[in-house]
């Protein structure tokens, strides 16, 4: 074979090797980029989920506090009604008891 043909084949092989190395580097860069973006996405998704959970927890705690306050108010109202009933009927009951004792 002619030296020029051998040299040309050697050049082609060097170029092919260079292209393969370039493709491997680009593949590694793409893989690293994908992994970085995946990690960033995961971190953002986790932060968003934690914020949503914190917001839900705060909302539930607020509703719970409001419910507790409403229950306390209702209990106080009912206790007041019972006290009023007791006060209004104690004299009548006392009179009935004294009447039974005297009979």
C-alpha atoms as a PDB file:
ATOM      1  CA  UNK A   1       0.000   0.000   0.000  1.00  0.00           C
ATOM      2  CA  UNK A   2       0.953   3.490  -0.589  1.00  0.00           C
ATOM      3  CA  UNK A   3       2.241   5.497   2.411  1.00  0.00           C
ATOM      4  CA  UNK A   4      -0.326   8.221   1.739  1.00  0.00           C
ATOM      5  CA  UNK A   5      -3.143   5.678   2.046  1.00  0.00           C
ATOM      6  CA  UNK A   6      -1.691   4.338   5.310  1.00  0.00           C
ATOM      7  CA  UNK A   7      -1.239   7.863   6.621  1.00  0.00           C
ATOM      8  CA  UNK A   8      -4.785   8.729   5.623  1.00  0.00           C
ATOM      9  CA  UNK A   9      -6.120   5.607   7.398  1.00  0.00           C
ATOM     10  CA  UNK A  10      -4.096   6.520  10.485  1.00  0.00           C
ATOM     11  CA  UNK A  11      -5.544  10.049  10.368  1.00  0.00           C
ATOM     12  CA  UNK A  12      -9.046   8.626  10.056  1.00  0.00           C
ATOM     13  CA  UNK A  13      -8.412   6.302  13.019  1.00  0.00           C
ATOM     14  CA  UNK A  14      -7.088   9.227  15.115  1.00  0.00           C
ATOM     15  CA  UNK A  15     -10.119  11.307  14.190  1.00  0.00           C
ATOM     16  CA  UNK A  16     -12.426   8.404  15.032  1.00  0.00           C
ATOM     17  CA  UNK A  17     -10.680   7.932  18.389  1.00  0.00           C
ATOM     18  CA  UNK A  18     -11.022  11.660  19.053  1.00  0.00           C
ATOM     19  CA  UNK A  19     -14.701  11.546  18.183  1.00  0.00           C
ATOM     20  CA  UNK A  20     -15.252   8.548  20.489  1.00  0.00           C
ATOM     21  CA  UNK A  21     -13.432  10.336  23.342  1.00  0.00           C
ATOM     22  CA  UNK A  22     -15.454  13.497  22.692  1.00  0.00           C
ATOM     23  CA  UNK A  23     -18.686  11.496  22.673  1.00  0.00           C
ATOM     24  CA  UNK A  24     -17.714   9.812  25.970  1.00  0.00           C
ATOM     25  CA  UNK A  25     -16.919  13.186  27.572  1.00  0.00           C
ATOM     26  CA  UNK A  26     -20.205  14.656  26.357  1.00  0.00           C
ATOM     27  CA  UNK A  27     -22.041  11.596  27.615  1.00  0.00           C
ATOM     28  CA  UNK A  28     -20.409  11.978  31.044  1.00  0.00           C
ATOM     29  CA  UNK A  29     -21.246  15.697  31.080  1.00  0.00           C
ATOM     30  CA  UNK A  30     -24.855  14.977  30.151  1.00  0.00           C
ATOM     31  CA  UNK A  31     -25.063  12.303  32.840  1.00  0.00           C
ATOM     32  CA  UNK A  32     -23.611  14.698  35.439  1.00  0.00           C
ATOM     33  CA  UNK A  33     -25.990  17.437  34.303  1.00  0.00           C
ATOM     34  CA  UNK A  34     -28.948  15.065  34.510  1.00  0.00           C
ATOM     35  CA  UNK A  35     -27.921  13.953  37.999  1.00  0.00           C
ATOM     36  CA  UNK A  36     -27.551  17.590  39.147  1.00  0.00           C
ATOM     37  CA  UNK A  37     -30.939  18.524  37.726  1.00  0.00           C
ATOM     38  CA  UNK A  38     -32.519  15.443  39.275  1.00  0.00           C
ATOM     39  CA  UNK A  39     -31.001  16.304  42.655  1.00  0.00           C
ATOM     40  CA  UNK A  40     -32.167  19.929  42.363  1.00  0.00           C
ATOM     41  CA  UNK A  41     -35.663  18.790  41.423  1.00  0.00           C
ATOM     42  CA  UNK A  42     -35.757  16.368  44.354  1.00  0.00           C
ATOM     43  CA  UNK A  43     -34.606  19.089  46.756  1.00  0.00           C
ATOM     44  CA  UNK A  44     -37.185  21.554  45.411  1.00  0.00           C
ATOM     45  CA  UNK A  45     -39.947  18.940  45.579  1.00  0.00           C
ATOM     46  CA  UNK A  46     -38.989  18.031  49.140  1.00  0.00           C
ATOM     47  CA  UNK A  47     -38.908  21.691  50.186  1.00  0.00           C
ATOM     48  CA  UNK A  48     -42.310  22.284  48.582  1.00  0.00           C
ATOM     49  CA  UNK A  49     -43.747  19.199  50.288  1.00  0.00           C
ATOM     50  CA  UNK A  50     -42.340  20.267  53.667  1.00  0.00           C
ATOM     51  CA  UNK A  51     -43.812  23.753  53.226  1.00  0.00           C
ATOM     52  CA  UNK A  52     -47.194  22.319  52.281  1.00  0.00           C
ATOM     53  CA  UNK A  53     -47.111  19.991  55.298  1.00  0.00           C
ATOM     54  CA  UNK A  54     -46.152  22.891  57.569  1.00  0.00           C
ATOM     55  CA  UNK A  55     -48.983  25.013  56.126  1.00  0.00           C
ATOM     56  CA  UNK A  56     -51.465  22.163  56.604  1.00  0.00           C
ATOM     57  CA  UNK A  57     -50.252  21.584  60.164  1.00  0.00           C
ATOM     58  CA  UNK A  58     -50.612  25.288  60.964  1.00  0.00           C
ATOM     59  CA  UNK A  59     -54.102  25.335  59.464  1.00  0.00           C
ATOM     60  CA  UNK A  60     -55.154  22.254  61.415  1.00  0.00           C
ATOM     61  CA  UNK A  61     -53.722  23.667  64.640  1.00  0.00           C
ATOM     62  CA  UNK A  62     -55.634  26.915  64.068  1.00  0.00           C
ATOM     63  CA  UNK A  63     -58.878  25.006  63.396  1.00  0.00           C
ATOM     64  CA  UNK A  64     -58.254  22.859  66.468  1.00  0.00           C
ATOM     65  CA  UNK A  65     -57.724  25.966  68.608  1.00  0.00           C
ATOM     66  CA  UNK A  66     -60.907  27.551  67.227  1.00  0.00           C
ATOM     67  CA  UNK A  67     -62.859  24.355  67.909  1.00  0.00           C
ATOM     68  CA  UNK A  68     -61.492  24.156  71.452  1.00  0.00           C
ATOM     69  CA  UNK A  69     -62.450  27.772  72.098  1.00  0.00           C
ATOM     70  CA  UNK A  70     -65.946  27.154  70.734  1.00  0.00           C
ATOM     71  CA  UNK A  71     -66.311  24.078  72.947  1.00  0.00           C
ATOM     72  CA  UNK A  72     -65.108  26.000  76.000  1.00  0.00           C
ATOM     73  CA  UNK A  73     -67.588  28.793  75.275  1.00  0.00           C
ATOM     74  CA  UNK A  74     -70.396  26.263  74.874  1.00  0.00           C
ATOM     75  CA  UNK A  75     -69.421  24.517  78.112  1.00  0.00           C
ATOM     76  CA  UNK A  76     -69.395  27.850  79.962  1.00  0.00           C
ATOM     77  CA  UNK A  77     -72.799  28.733  78.498  1.00  0.00           C
ATOM     78  CA  UNK A  78     -74.245  25.372  79.526  1.00  0.00           C
ATOM     79  CA  UNK A  79     -72.708  25.647  83.003  1.00  0.00           C
ATOM     80  CA  UNK A  80     -74.266  29.090  83.351  1.00  0.00           C
ATOM     81  CA  UNK A  81     -77.667  27.718  82.317  1.00  0.00           C
ATOM     82  CA  UNK A  82     -77.333  24.890  84.842  1.00  0.00           C
ATOM     83  CA  UNK A  83     -76.337  27.353  87.570  1.00  0.00           C
ATOM     84  CA  UNK A  84     -79.336  29.549  86.746  1.00  0.00           C
ATOM     85  CA  UNK A  85     -81.641  26.538  86.811  1.00  0.00           C
ATOM     86  CA  UNK A  86     -80.146  25.402  90.099  1.00  0.00           C
ATOM     87  CA  UNK A  87     -80.511  28.861  91.621  1.00  0.00           C
ATOM     88  CA  UNK A  88     -84.075  29.216  90.391  1.00  0.00           C
ATOM     89  CA  UNK A  89     -85.143  25.819  91.735  1.00  0.00           C
ATOM     90  CA  UNK A  90     -83.122  25.562  94.946  1.00  0.00           C
ATOM     91  CA  UNK A  91     -85.655  27.483  96.999  1.00  0.00           C
ATOM     92  CA  UNK A  92     -88.482  25.322  95.677  1.00  0.00           C
ATOM     93  CA  UNK A  93     -86.514  22.139  96.399  1.00  0.00           C
ATOM     94  CA  UNK A  94     -85.544  23.367  99.842  1.00  0.00           C
ATOM     95  CA  UNK A  95     -89.158  24.161 100.590  1.00  0.00           C
ATOM     96  CA  UNK A  96     -90.182  20.677  99.408  1.00  0.00           C
ATOM     97  CA  UNK A  97     -87.539  19.056 101.607  1.00  0.00           C
ATOM     98  CA  UNK A  98     -88.538  21.104 104.663  1.00  0.00           C
ATOM     99  CA  UNK A  99     -92.204  20.306 103.984  1.00  0.00           C
ATOM    100  CA  UNK A 100     -91.438  16.565 103.829  1.00  0.00           C
ATOM    101  CA  UNK A 101     -89.416  16.746 107.008  1.00  0.00           C
ATOM    102  CA  UNK A 102     -92.250  18.534 108.812  1.00  0.00           C
ATOM    103  CA  UNK A 103     -94.889  16.094 107.661  1.00  0.00           C
END
